[in-house]
Amino acid sequence: MIGISKIAALLTLLVVLNACGYQPIAHKAREAVGDKVFVEVKINPRDPQNSVALKDEITRAIFERLHINAVSREDSTSVIEVQLQSISFNTLAENHTGFATFYRCAVNVEFKYTDILAQKTRIFSKRGYYNFSLNDTSIITDSIRLEAINQAVLQAIDGFISQMGINK
């Protein structure tokens, strides 16, 4: 009986959401940017160490979240330029000996959206955060650093997509 009531509740929720015209924010953002999008990622020259991996991660995340196809700049109807403005790591907690064990990675990302057909450009600045612990060590390795930056950038991308969907 519990299974049937859960199914009935789920079906009721789906009918209500469908009836009121609910659409995910990514759908509205995809409508705003169009189907032919060129994404250009510019990495801060002060942090070139992991630039190739980070560039690939940003591009992949935008295409996955918006469900759009990559096209060349010449074939695109809109362009999204992404630039990592700054990266910082701050200590949030220390262990009993005074070594940092919990950090926050904060990134500032600038998104420049250009609608080629309407000849309009909009610039959005977004912040992303990622909190992480280091367990027994207080040293941030390159792999931990890259993962923290990636996660913080993904949060900034989500903010950009939400704003594009709202400001459609």
Foldseek 3Di string as FASTA:
>chain_A
DVVVVVVVVVVVVVVVCVVVPDDDLLQLLCVLQDQEEAEAEDEDPVDCPCVVVLRVLLVVLLCVSNVHDYDDPVPGQKYKYKYWDDKDKDADDDDPVGAGFKIKIKTKMKIWMARNVVRDIDIDIFMFMDMDGRPPDRDQDPVNVVVRVSRRVSRRSVVVSNVSSVVD
